[in-house]
C-alpha atoms as a PDB file:
ATOM      1  CA  MET A   1     -54.308 -10.620 -70.139  1.00  0.00           C
ATOM      2  CA  SER A   2     -55.907  -7.872 -68.163  1.00  0.00           C
ATOM      3  CA  ARG A   3     -59.596  -6.953 -68.228  1.00  0.00           C
ATOM      4  CA  PRO A   4     -60.613  -3.755 -69.755  1.00  0.00           C
ATOM      5  CA  GLN A   5     -62.231  -1.390 -67.240  1.00  0.00           C
ATOM      6  CA  SER A   6     -65.205   0.979 -67.693  1.00  0.00           C
ATOM      7  CA  HIS A   7     -64.492   4.558 -66.784  1.00  0.00           C
ATOM      8  CA  ILE A   8     -67.216   3.998 -64.013  1.00  0.00           C
ATOM      9  CA  PHE A   9     -65.309   1.401 -62.325  1.00  0.00           C
ATOM     10  CA  ALA A  10     -61.961   2.843 -62.961  1.00  0.00           C
ATOM     11  CA  GLY A  11     -60.094   2.753 -59.705  1.00  0.00           C
ATOM     12  CA  LEU A  12     -62.227   0.394 -57.943  1.00  0.00           C
ATOM     13  CA  ASP A  13     -61.323  -3.139 -56.596  1.00  0.00           C
ATOM     14  CA  LEU A  14     -63.798  -5.505 -58.097  1.00  0.00           C
ATOM     15  CA  VAL A  15     -62.783  -8.500 -56.362  1.00  0.00           C
ATOM     16  CA  ALA A  16     -65.014  -9.556 -53.751  1.00  0.00           C
ATOM     17  CA  ALA A  17     -63.744  -8.294 -50.226  1.00  0.00           C
ATOM     18  CA  GLU A  18     -64.047  -9.969 -46.796  1.00  0.00           C
ATOM     19  CA  PRO A  19     -67.207  -9.200 -45.108  1.00  0.00           C
ATOM     20  CA  GLU A  20     -66.746  -6.348 -42.579  1.00  0.00           C
ATOM     21  CA  GLN A  21     -67.689  -6.888 -39.089  1.00  0.00           C
ATOM     22  CA  PRO A  22     -70.653  -5.039 -38.341  1.00  0.00           C
ATOM     23  CA  ARG A  23     -69.873  -1.801 -36.450  1.00  0.00           C
ATOM     24  CA  ARG A  24     -71.306  -0.977 -33.045  1.00  0.00           C
ATOM     25  CA  CYS A  25     -72.859   2.141 -31.697  1.00  0.00           C
ATOM     26  CA  PRO A  26     -70.268   3.507 -29.115  1.00  0.00           C
ATOM     27  CA  VAL A  27     -72.988   4.030 -26.508  1.00  0.00           C
ATOM     28  CA  PRO A  28     -73.062   1.171 -24.000  1.00  0.00           C
ATOM     29  CA  LEU A  29     -76.004  -1.118 -23.977  1.00  0.00           C
ATOM     30  CA  CYS A  30     -77.229   0.173 -27.237  1.00  0.00           C
ATOM     31  CA  THR A  31     -78.331  -2.592 -29.613  1.00  0.00           C
ATOM     32  CA  GLU A  32     -79.590  -0.758 -32.469  1.00  0.00           C
ATOM     33  CA  PRO A  33     -77.976  -1.635 -35.770  1.00  0.00           C
ATOM     34  CA  MET A  34     -75.351   1.096 -37.395  1.00  0.00           C
ATOM     35  CA  PRO A  35     -75.942   2.584 -40.713  1.00  0.00           C
ATOM     36  CA  GLN A  36     -73.741   1.245 -43.440  1.00  0.00           C
ATOM     37  CA  GLY A  37     -71.958   4.632 -44.231  1.00  0.00           C
ATOM     38  CA  LYS A  38     -68.394   5.535 -43.420  1.00  0.00           C
ATOM     39  CA  HIS A  39     -69.548   8.781 -41.765  1.00  0.00           C
ATOM     40  CA  ALA A  40     -72.093   7.112 -39.282  1.00  0.00           C
ATOM     41  CA  LEU A  41     -70.783   7.672 -35.748  1.00  0.00           C
ATOM     42  CA  PHE A  42     -73.970   6.416 -33.769  1.00  0.00           C
ATOM     43  CA  CYS A  43     -76.907   4.376 -34.529  1.00  0.00           C
ATOM     44  CA  ALA A  44     -80.022   6.359 -35.823  1.00  0.00           C
ATOM     45  CA  ASP A  45     -81.600   6.329 -32.530  1.00  0.00           C
ATOM     46  CA  CYS A  46     -78.636   7.635 -30.530  1.00  0.00           C
ATOM     47  CA  HIS A  47     -77.799  10.112 -33.539  1.00  0.00           C
ATOM     48  CA  PHE A  48     -81.305  11.738 -32.982  1.00  0.00           C
ATOM     49  CA  ARG A  49     -81.036  11.931 -29.237  1.00  0.00           C
ATOM     50  CA  LEU A  50     -78.156  14.222 -29.419  1.00  0.00           C
ATOM     51  CA  PRO A  51     -78.560  17.985 -30.297  1.00  0.00           C
ATOM     52  CA  TYR A  52     -78.026  18.963 -33.633  1.00  0.00           C
ATOM     53  CA  GLU A  53     -74.995  21.190 -32.812  1.00  0.00           C
ATOM     54  CA  THR A  54     -73.235  18.173 -31.265  1.00  0.00           C
ATOM     55  CA  THR A  55     -74.041  15.974 -34.309  1.00  0.00           C
ATOM     56  CA  ASN A  56     -73.005  19.035 -36.874  1.00  0.00           C
ATOM     57  CA  ARG A  57     -69.660  19.505 -35.065  1.00  0.00           C
ATOM     58  CA  LEU A  58     -68.841  15.697 -35.002  1.00  0.00           C
ATOM     59  CA  PHE A  59     -69.454  15.548 -38.856  1.00  0.00           C
ATOM     60  CA  ARG A  60     -67.516  18.559 -39.438  1.00  0.00           C
ATOM     61  CA  LEU A  61     -64.447  17.360 -37.454  1.00  0.00           C
ATOM     62  CA  GLN A  62     -64.829  13.958 -39.359  1.00  0.00           C
ATOM     63  CA  LEU A  63     -64.676  15.479 -42.693  1.00  0.00           C
ATOM     64  CA  THR A  64     -61.767  17.869 -41.896  1.00  0.00           C
ATOM     65  CA  CYS A  65     -59.859  14.837 -40.584  1.00  0.00           C
ATOM     66  CA  GLU A  66     -60.227  13.042 -43.752  1.00  0.00           C
ATOM     67  CA  ARG A  67     -59.241  16.125 -45.750  1.00  0.00           C
ATOM     68  CA  ALA A  68     -56.186  16.924 -43.775  1.00  0.00           C
ATOM     69  CA  PRO A  69     -53.197  17.534 -45.636  1.00  0.00           C
ATOM     70  CA  ASP A  70     -50.812  15.235 -43.757  1.00  0.00           C
ATOM     71  CA  GLU A  71     -50.633  12.275 -41.334  1.00  0.00           C
ATOM     72  CA  ALA A  72     -49.761  14.104 -38.247  1.00  0.00           C
ATOM     73  CA  THR A  73     -52.778  16.630 -38.540  1.00  0.00           C
ATOM     74  CA  ARG A  74     -55.130  13.745 -39.301  1.00  0.00           C
ATOM     75  CA  GLN A  75     -53.891  11.872 -35.988  1.00  0.00           C
ATOM     76  CA  HIS A  76     -54.346  14.893 -33.945  1.00  0.00           C
ATOM     77  CA  LEU A  77     -58.035  15.485 -35.291  1.00  0.00           C
ATOM     78  CA  ARG A  78     -58.809  11.848 -35.162  1.00  0.00           C
ATOM     79  CA  GLU A  79     -57.863  11.962 -31.305  1.00  0.00           C
ATOM     80  CA  GLN A  80     -60.061  15.084 -30.969  1.00  0.00           C
ATOM     81  CA  LEU A  81     -62.808  13.272 -32.793  1.00  0.00           C
ATOM     82  CA  HIS A  82     -62.445  10.572 -30.360  1.00  0.00           C
ATOM     83  CA  GLY A  83     -62.888  12.810 -27.472  1.00  0.00           C
ATOM     84  CA  TYR A  84     -65.838  14.584 -28.860  1.00  0.00           C
ATOM     85  CA  VAL A  85     -67.476  11.180 -29.457  1.00  0.00           C
ATOM     86  CA  GLN A  86     -66.876  10.043 -25.861  1.00  0.00           C
ATOM     87  CA  GLN A  87     -68.345  13.481 -24.486  1.00  0.00           C
ATOM     88  CA  ALA A  88     -71.350  12.691 -26.758  1.00  0.00           C
ATOM     89  CA  VAL A  89     -71.535   9.127 -25.332  1.00  0.00           C
ATOM     90  CA  ARG A  90     -71.452  10.419 -21.636  1.00  0.00           C
ATOM     91  CA  ALA A  91     -74.256  13.017 -22.390  1.00  0.00           C
ATOM     92  CA  LEU A  92     -76.527  10.237 -23.745  1.00  0.00           C
ATOM     93  CA  ARG A  93     -75.771   7.677 -20.958  1.00  0.00           C
ATOM     94  CA  GLY A  94     -76.583  10.690 -18.458  1.00  0.00           C
ATOM     95  CA  GLY A  95     -79.868  11.063 -20.219  1.00  0.00           C
ATOM     96  CA  ASN A  96     -79.510  14.747 -20.889  1.00  0.00           C
ATOM     97  CA  PRO A  97     -77.533  15.400 -24.302  1.00  0.00           C
END
């Protein structure tokens, strides 16, 4: 017998999932906690040390990647995003974002 699902929970898996490992900020030696959202790329301290244009470009690219129509495009955009994140990490490590 299956449980009736409310329209609010339709499509959600209500089974307890394994606890995720806490994500780490990609900036070396950074010990600040990462926000829980899936769009967080840096901890709050590192995020606000970056220029607005950089974080805006990263978020736009991340959302474009999620909405890409096919897997090949998503893979290409993920590689680009990874490169831009590494560029931002280098800027933060250098002290002049």
